[in-house]
Protein backbone atom coordinates (compact mmCIF):
# COMPACT_ATOMS: atom_id res chain seq x y z
CA MET A 1 152.65 129.00 78.63
CA VAL A 2 153.38 128.02 75.04
CA ALA A 3 155.66 129.04 72.20
CA SER A 4 155.24 128.22 68.51
CA LYS A 5 157.62 128.51 65.55
CA ARG A 6 157.10 127.94 61.84
CA TRP A 7 160.27 126.60 60.17
CA TYR A 8 159.96 125.76 56.48
CA ASP A 9 157.42 122.89 56.29
CA PHE A 10 157.45 122.29 60.06
CA ASP A 11 155.25 123.91 62.69
CA LEU A 12 156.84 123.45 66.14
CA THR A 13 155.13 123.97 69.53
CA LEU A 14 156.51 123.63 73.07
CA GLY A 15 154.83 124.61 76.33
CA LEU A 16 154.33 124.18 80.05
CA GLY A 17 150.87 123.45 81.39
CA TRP A 18 149.20 123.54 84.78
CA GLY A 19 145.86 122.09 85.81
CA TYR A 20 144.27 119.79 83.24
CA LEU A 21 147.15 120.27 80.80
CA GLY A 22 149.64 119.50 83.57
CA ASN A 23 148.06 116.43 85.17
CA ALA A 24 151.11 114.33 84.32
CA GLY A 25 152.99 116.41 86.91
CA ASP A 26 156.50 116.25 85.44
CA VAL A 27 157.89 118.86 87.86
CA ASP A 28 156.71 121.10 90.66
CA SER A 29 155.83 124.66 89.86
CA PRO A 30 159.07 126.68 89.63
CA LEU A 31 157.26 129.57 91.30
CA GLY A 32 157.34 127.49 94.48
CA TRP A 33 160.91 128.66 94.88
CA LEU A 34 159.52 132.15 95.42
CA ASP A 35 156.51 131.27 97.55
CA GLU A 36 155.53 127.82 98.79
CA ARG A 37 151.81 128.54 98.18
CA PHE A 38 152.48 127.85 94.46
CA ASP A 39 153.33 124.22 95.31
CA ASP A 40 149.68 123.27 95.82
CA ARG A 41 146.74 123.87 93.48
CA PRO A 42 143.45 124.91 95.18
CA GLY A 43 140.53 122.70 94.26
CA ASP A 44 137.62 125.00 95.13
CA ALA A 45 138.43 127.96 92.88
CA GLY A 46 135.97 129.23 90.31
CA GLY A 47 132.98 129.60 92.61
CA GLY A 48 130.67 127.05 94.15
CA GLN A 49 128.95 126.35 90.81
CA GLY A 50 131.76 127.50 88.50
CA GLY A 51 131.62 130.41 86.11
CA GLU A 52 134.04 132.66 88.02
CA PHE A 53 137.64 133.56 87.22
CA ALA A 54 139.90 131.14 89.11
CA LEU A 55 142.86 133.47 89.42
CA SER A 56 144.02 131.68 92.57
CA GLN A 57 144.82 128.61 90.43
CA LEU A 58 147.17 130.34 88.00
CA PHE A 59 150.64 128.69 88.01
CA HIS A 60 149.76 126.69 91.13
CA GLY A 61 150.59 123.01 91.59
CA PRO A 62 152.64 120.59 89.50
CA MET A 63 153.18 121.26 85.82
CA ALA A 64 153.90 119.15 82.76
CA VAL A 65 155.70 119.61 79.48
CA PHE A 66 153.71 119.37 76.25
CA GLY A 67 154.56 120.03 72.63
CA GLY A 68 154.26 118.86 69.08
CA VAL A 69 155.42 119.08 65.53
CA GLU A 70 153.31 119.28 62.36
CA TYR A 71 154.81 118.51 58.98
CA GLN A 72 153.37 119.66 55.68
CA THR A 73 154.30 116.87 53.28
CA PRO A 74 155.30 117.56 49.65
CA TRP A 75 151.82 116.26 48.78
CA GLU A 76 149.78 119.36 49.61
CA PRO A 77 146.57 117.67 50.90
CA LEU A 78 148.46 115.60 53.54
CA VAL A 79 149.73 116.84 56.92
CA LEU A 80 151.46 114.60 59.51
CA GLN A 81 151.47 115.28 63.26
CA LEU A 82 153.41 114.17 66.34
CA GLU A 83 152.34 115.30 69.80
CA PHE A 84 153.62 114.90 73.35
CA GLU A 85 150.85 115.81 75.80
CA GLY A 86 150.89 116.87 79.43
CA ASN A 87 147.74 115.08 80.64
CA ASP A 88 147.83 111.54 82.06
CA TYR A 89 143.99 111.10 81.95
CA ALA A 90 144.01 109.75 85.51
CA ASN A 91 141.67 112.41 86.93
CA GLU A 92 138.95 112.81 84.30
CA PRO A 93 135.54 114.34 85.06
CA GLN A 94 132.69 111.93 85.87
CA ASP A 95 135.29 109.26 86.86
CA ASN A 96 135.93 108.70 83.15
CA ASP A 97 139.65 107.96 83.49
CA GLN A 98 141.38 106.69 80.36
CA PRO A 99 144.22 104.11 80.20
CA LEU A 100 147.52 105.67 79.11
CA ASP A 101 150.37 103.62 77.63
CA SER A 102 152.18 106.56 76.03
CA ARG A 103 151.99 110.34 76.14
CA ALA A 104 152.98 110.48 72.47
CA ASN A 105 150.22 110.73 69.88
CA LEU A 106 150.43 110.34 66.12
CA GLY A 107 148.06 111.89 63.63
CA ALA A 108 147.42 112.71 59.99
CA ARG A 109 145.05 115.07 58.18
CA TYR A 110 144.03 114.72 54.56
CA ARG A 111 142.23 117.56 52.79
CA LEU A 112 139.74 115.79 50.54
CA THR A 113 138.08 118.97 49.23
CA ASP A 114 138.01 122.64 50.17
CA THR A 115 135.33 121.86 52.78
CA ILE A 116 135.99 118.23 53.83
CA GLU A 117 139.01 116.98 55.78
CA LEU A 118 139.69 113.39 56.87
CA ARG A 119 141.62 112.68 60.10
CA ALA A 120 143.23 109.60 61.61
CA GLY A 121 145.49 109.03 64.59
CA TRP A 122 146.91 106.82 67.32
CA GLN A 123 146.25 108.20 70.82
CA ARG A 124 147.60 107.38 74.31
CA GLY A 125 149.51 104.41 72.84
CA ASN A 126 146.40 102.21 72.73
CA THR A 127 143.53 103.86 70.83
CA ALA A 128 142.93 104.42 67.11
CA MET A 129 141.01 107.50 66.05
CA ALA A 130 139.32 108.52 62.80
CA GLY A 131 137.15 111.47 61.94
CA VAL A 132 135.88 113.82 59.30
CA SER A 133 135.58 117.62 59.48
CA PHE A 134 133.30 119.87 57.47
CA SER A 135 134.10 123.57 57.14
CA THR A 136 132.77 126.51 55.19
CA ASN A 137 132.91 130.27 55.03
CA LEU A 138 129.78 131.36 56.89
CA ALA A 139 130.07 134.86 55.46
CA GLY A 140 129.43 133.49 51.98
CA LEU A 141 126.96 130.78 52.94
CA ALA A 142 123.65 130.96 51.10
CA GLN A 143 120.70 128.69 50.55
CA MET A 144 120.55 127.01 47.18
CA LYS A 145 117.87 128.57 45.03
CA ARG A 146 116.11 126.92 42.12
CA ASP A 147 113.92 129.90 41.28
CA PRO A 148 113.63 130.95 37.65
CA PRO A 149 115.53 134.11 36.72
CA PRO A 150 113.56 137.38 36.67
CA ARG A 151 111.98 138.20 33.33
CA PRO A 152 113.97 140.64 31.17
CA LEU A 153 112.50 144.09 30.69
CA ASP A 154 112.34 143.58 26.92
CA ALA A 155 110.58 140.21 27.16
CA PRO A 156 107.72 139.82 24.67
CA PRO A 157 104.23 140.39 26.12
CA GLU A 158 102.06 137.47 27.12
CA ALA A 159 99.16 136.36 24.93
CA ASP A 160 96.46 137.53 27.36
CA TRP A 161 95.85 138.45 31.00
CA PRO A 162 95.34 134.84 32.17
CA ALA A 163 98.83 134.17 30.80
CA VAL A 164 100.11 137.20 32.72
CA ALA A 165 98.56 135.82 35.92
CA SER A 166 100.20 132.45 35.27
CA ARG A 167 103.57 134.15 34.75
CA LEU A 168 103.14 136.12 37.99
CA GLN A 169 102.56 132.82 39.81
CA SER A 170 105.51 130.95 38.31
CA ASN A 171 108.08 133.75 38.28
CA ALA A 172 107.05 136.28 40.95
CA GLY A 173 105.41 133.90 43.42
CA ILE A 174 102.01 135.64 43.45
CA ARG A 175 98.80 133.62 43.37
CA VAL A 176 96.70 136.22 41.56
CA ARG A 177 93.12 136.79 42.69
CA GLU A 178 92.40 139.51 40.16
CA ILE A 179 93.97 142.19 37.96
CA ARG A 180 92.27 145.55 37.43
CA GLN A 181 93.05 148.81 35.64
CA GLN A 182 91.55 152.05 36.90
CA GLY A 183 92.74 155.12 35.06
CA ASP A 184 96.54 155.07 35.04
CA ASP A 185 96.78 152.48 37.89
CA LEU A 186 97.20 148.73 37.32
CA THR A 187 96.36 146.72 40.45
CA VAL A 188 97.31 143.09 41.10
CA THR A 189 95.49 141.45 44.02
CA GLY A 190 96.91 138.17 45.29
CA GLU A 191 98.70 136.12 47.93
CA PRO A 192 102.46 135.46 48.23
CA THR A 193 103.43 131.83 47.64
CA THR A 194 107.21 131.72 47.15
CA PHE A 195 109.23 134.58 48.59
CA ARG A 196 109.20 135.76 52.20
CA ASN A 197 110.25 139.23 51.10
CA LEU A 198 107.29 140.82 49.32
CA ALA A 199 109.63 143.36 47.72
CA LYS A 200 111.30 140.51 45.86
CA SER A 201 107.96 139.37 44.48
CA GLU A 202 107.08 142.93 43.49
CA ALA A 203 110.45 143.44 41.77
CA ARG A 204 109.85 140.34 39.64
CA ALA A 205 106.20 141.20 39.03
CA GLY A 206 107.10 144.72 37.91
CA ARG A 207 109.16 143.34 35.04
CA ILE A 208 106.22 141.21 33.90
CA LEU A 209 103.71 144.06 34.17
CA ALA A 210 106.02 146.50 32.39
CA ALA A 211 105.97 144.23 29.34
CA ASN A 212 102.18 143.82 29.34
CA ALA A 213 100.61 147.03 30.65
CA ASP A 214 99.28 149.77 28.38
CA GLU A 215 101.38 152.87 27.79
CA SER A 216 98.82 154.82 29.83
CA VAL A 217 99.65 152.95 33.06
CA VAL A 218 101.97 154.95 35.32
CA SER A 219 101.65 153.02 38.64
CA PHE A 220 101.75 149.36 39.62
CA ARG A 221 99.78 148.52 42.75
CA TYR A 222 100.08 145.22 44.65
CA ARG A 223 97.22 144.44 47.02
CA TRP A 224 98.32 141.62 49.31
CA LEU A 225 95.90 139.11 50.82
CA SER A 226 96.12 136.30 53.33
CA ARG A 227 93.32 133.75 53.15
CA GLY A 228 90.99 136.36 51.69
CA LEU A 229 91.85 139.05 54.25
CA ASP A 230 93.22 142.33 52.86
CA LEU A 231 96.61 143.17 54.38
CA ARG A 232 98.11 146.17 52.58
CA GLU A 233 98.76 147.77 49.22
CA ASP A 234 102.22 148.67 47.87
CA VAL A 235 102.53 151.29 45.12
CA HIS A 236 105.38 151.52 42.58
CA ASP A 237 105.92 154.27 40.06
CA ARG A 238 106.28 152.53 36.70
CA ALA A 239 108.90 154.84 35.20
CA ALA A 240 111.05 154.81 38.37
CA PHE A 241 110.81 151.02 38.58
CA THR A 242 111.84 150.36 34.97
CA ALA A 243 114.74 152.82 35.30
CA ALA A 244 115.94 151.08 38.49
CA ALA A 245 115.57 147.64 36.91
CA ALA A 246 117.70 148.78 33.98
CA SER A 247 120.42 150.45 36.07
CA SER A 248 121.39 150.07 39.72
CA GLU A 249 122.35 153.77 39.76
CA ARG A 250 118.64 154.63 39.53
CA GLN A 251 117.51 152.42 42.42
CA HIS A 252 117.66 155.27 44.92
CA ASP A 253 114.89 157.22 43.20
CA HIS A 254 112.70 154.13 42.91
CA LEU A 255 113.10 152.99 46.51
CA TYR A 256 112.39 156.42 47.95
CA GLY A 257 109.28 156.69 45.79
CA LEU A 258 107.68 153.52 47.14
CA TYR A 259 104.88 153.66 49.65
CA ALA A 260 102.45 151.26 51.31
CA HIS A 261 99.10 151.84 52.97
CA ALA A 262 96.22 149.89 54.51
CA ASN A 263 93.36 152.22 53.54
CA LEU A 264 91.94 149.57 51.21
CA ALA A 265 88.79 150.74 49.48
CA GLU A 266 86.63 148.47 47.36
CA PRO A 267 88.61 147.77 44.15
CA GLY A 268 87.21 149.38 41.03
CA GLY A 269 88.02 149.97 37.40
CA GLU A 270 88.11 147.54 34.50
CA LEU A 271 88.43 143.88 35.49
CA LEU A 272 91.14 142.31 33.33
CA TYR A 273 91.40 138.94 35.08
CA ARG A 274 89.78 137.07 37.97
CA ASP A 275 90.86 133.67 39.26
CA GLU A 276 88.35 131.02 40.18
CA PRO A 277 89.39 129.38 43.47
CA ARG A 278 90.21 125.72 43.46
CA ARG A 279 87.27 123.97 45.07
CA PHE A 280 89.12 120.95 46.38
CA SER A 281 92.76 120.10 46.98
CA TRP A 282 94.46 117.27 48.84
CA ARG A 283 97.83 115.80 49.73
CA ALA A 284 99.12 112.61 51.32
CA GLY A 285 102.46 111.23 52.41
CA PRO A 286 104.69 109.95 55.23
CA ALA A 287 105.84 111.94 58.26
CA ILE A 288 108.39 111.36 60.98
CA GLU A 289 108.77 112.97 64.40
CA GLN A 290 112.13 112.61 66.15
CA ASN A 291 113.68 113.49 69.48
CA PHE A 292 117.46 113.48 69.99
CA GLY A 293 119.53 113.92 73.12
CA ASP A 294 116.88 112.90 75.64
CA PRO A 295 117.85 110.64 78.57
CA ASP A 296 115.60 108.05 76.96
CA GLY A 297 117.79 108.09 73.85
CA TYR A 298 116.42 108.39 70.34
CA LEU A 299 112.62 108.58 70.15
CA TYR A 300 110.65 108.54 66.93
CA ARG A 301 107.20 108.11 65.44
CA LEU A 302 106.64 107.24 61.80
CA SER A 303 103.16 108.04 60.49
CA ALA A 304 101.16 108.46 57.31
CA TYR A 305 98.77 111.33 56.72
CA ALA A 306 96.15 112.51 54.26
CA SER A 307 94.73 116.02 54.24
CA GLY A 308 92.24 117.90 52.14
CA GLU A 309 90.71 121.34 51.80
CA TYR A 310 87.43 122.47 50.26
CA THR A 311 87.11 126.13 49.32
CA THR A 312 83.62 127.60 49.58
CA ASP A 313 84.57 130.88 47.89
CA ALA A 314 87.50 133.27 47.79
CA ASN A 315 87.22 133.92 51.54
CA GLY A 316 86.18 130.66 53.22
CA TRP A 317 87.23 127.05 53.41
CA PHE A 318 86.95 123.74 55.27
CA SER A 319 90.01 121.57 55.88
CA GLY A 320 90.82 118.34 57.66
CA SER A 321 93.47 115.68 58.02
CA LEU A 322 93.78 112.04 59.04
CA THR A 323 97.01 110.71 60.54
CA ALA A 324 97.86 107.12 61.48
CA THR A 325 100.95 105.88 63.34
CA LEU A 326 102.87 103.20 61.45
CA ALA A 327 105.74 102.56 63.87
CA ASP A 328 107.28 104.16 66.96
CA ASN A 329 109.30 103.51 70.10
CA LEU A 330 107.48 106.02 72.28
CA ASP A 331 106.83 103.38 74.92
CA ASP A 332 110.45 104.01 75.93
CA TYR A 333 109.56 107.55 77.07
CA ASP A 334 109.98 107.99 80.82
CA TYR A 335 109.54 111.28 82.65
CA ILE A 336 112.36 111.31 85.22
CA ALA A 337 112.81 115.02 85.98
CA ASP A 338 112.81 116.07 89.62
CA SER A 339 111.41 119.58 89.48
CA ASP A 340 108.89 121.69 91.35
CA LEU A 341 107.96 123.55 88.17
CA PRO A 342 104.57 122.73 86.64
CA ARG A 343 104.70 120.26 83.77
CA VAL A 344 103.58 121.47 80.34
CA ARG A 345 105.16 119.91 77.29
CA THR A 346 106.20 116.75 79.10
CA TYR A 347 102.53 115.73 79.23
CA ILE A 348 102.83 114.95 75.53
CA SER A 349 103.41 111.31 76.43
CA ALA A 350 99.95 111.14 78.00
CA THR A 351 98.05 113.23 75.45
CA THR A 352 99.40 112.73 71.96
CA TRP A 353 101.66 109.73 71.76
CA PRO A 354 99.29 106.98 72.95
CA ARG A 355 96.90 107.72 70.06
CA ARG A 356 97.42 105.57 66.98
CA THR A 357 95.01 107.46 64.73
CA TRP A 358 93.67 110.97 65.02
CA VAL A 359 91.60 113.43 63.03
CA SER A 360 91.85 117.21 62.93
CA ALA A 361 89.49 119.61 61.22
CA THR A 362 89.18 123.36 60.80
CA CYS A 363 86.24 125.33 59.49
CA ASN A 364 86.49 129.01 58.62
CA THR A 365 83.53 131.25 57.99
CA PRO A 366 83.73 133.41 54.88
CA VAL A 367 85.59 136.64 55.47
CA PRO A 368 83.53 139.63 54.32
CA PRO A 369 85.42 141.68 51.70
CA ASN A 370 87.51 144.47 53.20
CA SER A 371 86.82 143.31 56.75
CA ALA A 372 90.28 144.57 57.73
CA ARG A 373 89.21 148.03 56.61
CA THR A 374 85.69 148.14 57.99
CA GLY A 375 86.24 146.18 61.18
CA THR A 376 83.51 143.66 60.25
CA PRO A 377 83.87 140.67 62.62
CA TRP A 378 84.73 137.26 61.26
CA ALA A 379 85.29 133.96 63.01
CA THR A 380 87.37 130.82 62.84
CA ALA A 381 86.33 127.56 64.50
CA ALA A 382 88.54 124.54 64.94
CA CYS A 383 88.00 121.08 66.34
CA TRP A 384 90.29 118.13 66.99
CA LYS A 385 89.49 114.52 67.74
């Protein structure tokens, strides 16, 4: 039981605690005057493995007084605290009893910024404490974005269609395979590279296409690929899109006019742009694998890697990587679990970690165009060493 009162710059608290809060045992439970069963606190409540309501422990056994006062100083960032606690730390779990010279604790909090608070204190009459707290409003938390702003609707047109494809890559996150116009439809075929939400890429791309497409174009079509495999096509009405981009009040008409389909016929019409695939690409750098919280403590492996990929055409590629361990402490790994369950991931110590250098390679046969539509089989082979 506890009562709190705010009085000017002071916040006062006073209470009576049983159980862990009442381990100091200042007085017997006053309810023992009514029934002597309140004098003793049962030790087996809560179920054999815990997790159950221990109603039989309420107000049972000795109790202790606890309380405190918190003072908001004239200097707004600083708060001072004085506490008198009801625990004597003589019956801690795991036999982790703590020495107690005083039940009075002193503390101070200093608000460094809106999200960072520093803390310091003197506990149990013999221990200094310091800490830092980080806080934020999760409702307003967002990942920092360094993406360029969407192109304005009245942006000047690009010099040519290769420049349009480059702008679609840098601003809309679309690696363009080709751009075609068939009648009043303008179709962009490509792969997403930046945004998880394809609608976000299409909203940015629509602004770019609106500034570069002929007046005769009434629909923007986005044919999405993944490694040369056709996935789907999304269709936007040009007039509805530009109206929605200019005014949020018109978004309803645009959104309800969108549709997607997977009936992907062979693209036709006038070819405005086609990208030549990069034949060879590579990357190299360091890598670190870490494991925290294991009984073995902190485990790590620092390695260096180099990887490369050779593209045969728009639908096929070969890739491989070489990785070498530079330093690790994986010899400290020790499987100590006592379980009848079959081991799976714990065999990593016997399969992966002992190797100092390893090679991986993948080879993918060319994917026939429109295989997703026609059901033409294609294969992927992979090998590791």
